[in-house]
Amino acid sequence: MITIIDYGSGNLRSISNGFSKIGFEHIITNDSEIIADSEFLVLPGVGAFGQAMKNIDPYKQLIIEHINDGKPFLGICLGLQVLLSESEESPNAKGLDIFKGGVKKLPKGKKIPHMGWNQLKIIDDTCPILKGTNNKFFYFVHSYYVDPEDKSAISAITPYGLDVTAVLHDNNVFATQFHPEKSGIAGLKLLKNFVSLKQSYL
């Protein structure tokens, strides 16, 4: 079962529609027992880092346990950013610290927010959810970007005044800055790749 966490900071209908389009059973829930028993966990996100972390707090340990158990996890947009240690957007808020590093404001010189379609450049072709997506266009909406300490965790970038981290990956943890559910055929391909991980991780 694919479980989408309803923590009050996610575009739930959009990602739900994405999984429906590829024909995979899923549930949107804030029930801790269901989240704890999930095979696949998805953390979408829109809004501010600090508020998101307040909303995530009741589920923080469940997310960490899911990841530590080696089960597939997918963070989307703000759901990527909260995996880092901290953010310039909310200096007093601590992130989940799954990836050491920070979230920084996009530099001046480009329109902020970065909104619209941009091309994906894969730099780690071993990332399983990216199979068949290199040079495809994905839909982005964000004003901040992630800067992990361990650059080997960066699986794909997109150009926007600098090489913006588009995908992070470490073992069973996957996260995208773009919205795969809003990214047409390429985005649905990525979601299919994610749910196909069952044989590898479960």
Foldseek 3Di string as FASTA:
>chain_A
DEEEEPLPFFPPVLVVVLCVVVPDDYDYDNDQVCLLPDQEYEYEGDDFLQVSLVSCVVCLVSVVVCVVLQGAYEYEASRVQLCEQEEPRDRVDGGSHVFYFYKYFDDPPFDPPPFAKFFKAFPAVVPQLCPPRHRAIFTAHDGIATDGPPPVQQGIFTDDVHTGRAWGDDRRYIYGNTQLSRGPPSSSSSVVSRVVCSVVGD
